[in-house]
Amino acid sequence: MHNPYTHYSALRVEHLRAEAARERLLRLTRPEPKPRPRLSLRELSLREVLLRWHLI
């Protein structure tokens, strides 16, 4: 009979691998995370400047 602990850890590794793959897929489909609803003015302007730099 096989060791149930090693069996469990193998399943766990598979699960973690699947989770990582799903995360990667989500990041590919939605590369930019949603901005937080409450941004300070300084953060907002800094973000705009960075976005413009990337657009140039």
Protein backbone atom coordinates (compact mmCIF):
# COMPACT_ATOMS: atom_id res chain seq x y z
CA MET A 1 0.00 0.00 0.00
CA HIS A 2 1.34 3.41 -0.92
CA ASN A 3 1.97 6.10 1.65
CA PRO A 4 -1.13 8.34 1.86
CA TYR A 5 1.03 11.31 2.85
CA THR A 6 3.12 11.23 -0.32
CA HIS A 7 -0.07 10.74 -2.30
CA TYR A 8 -1.58 13.81 -0.62
CA SER A 9 1.50 15.94 -1.20
CA ALA A 10 1.55 14.91 -4.87
CA LEU A 11 -2.08 15.99 -5.20
CA ARG A 12 -1.23 19.21 -3.41
CA VAL A 13 1.63 19.94 -5.82
CA GLU A 14 -0.68 19.29 -8.77
CA HIS A 15 -3.26 21.64 -7.26
CA LEU A 16 -0.69 24.38 -6.72
CA ARG A 17 0.58 23.93 -10.27
CA ALA A 18 -2.96 24.26 -11.62
CA GLU A 19 -3.52 27.37 -9.50
CA ALA A 20 -0.32 28.96 -10.81
CA ALA A 21 -1.31 28.18 -14.39
CA ARG A 22 -4.75 29.72 -13.84
CA GLU A 23 -3.16 32.83 -12.33
CA ARG A 24 -0.87 33.14 -15.34
CA LEU A 25 -3.82 32.81 -17.72
CA LEU A 26 -5.77 35.47 -15.85
CA ARG A 27 -2.78 37.78 -15.94
CA LEU A 28 -2.46 37.25 -19.70
CA THR A 29 -6.11 38.01 -20.36
CA ARG A 30 -6.21 40.95 -17.92
CA PRO A 31 -2.65 42.32 -17.82
CA GLU A 32 -3.58 45.55 -16.04
CA PRO A 33 -5.06 45.15 -12.55
CA LYS A 34 -8.08 47.28 -11.73
CA PRO A 35 -6.99 50.52 -10.08
CA ARG A 36 -8.08 51.01 -6.49
CA PRO A 37 -11.27 53.10 -6.31
CA ARG A 38 -9.72 55.64 -3.92
CA LEU A 39 -6.49 57.12 -5.27
CA SER A 40 -4.92 60.25 -3.90
CA LEU A 41 -4.44 63.07 -6.40
CA ARG A 42 -0.68 62.64 -6.30
CA GLU A 43 -0.94 58.91 -7.02
CA LEU A 44 -3.41 59.58 -9.83
CA SER A 45 -1.22 62.19 -11.51
CA LEU A 46 1.85 59.99 -11.10
CA ARG A 47 -0.05 57.15 -12.72
CA GLU A 48 -1.09 59.40 -15.62
CA VAL A 49 2.50 60.54 -16.14
CA LEU A 50 3.70 56.95 -16.18
CA LEU A 51 0.96 55.98 -18.62
CA ARG A 52 1.90 58.86 -20.93
CA TRP A 53 5.56 57.88 -20.78
CA HIS A 54 4.61 54.36 -21.81
CA LEU A 55 2.49 55.71 -24.66
CA ILE A 56 5.32 57.83 -26.10
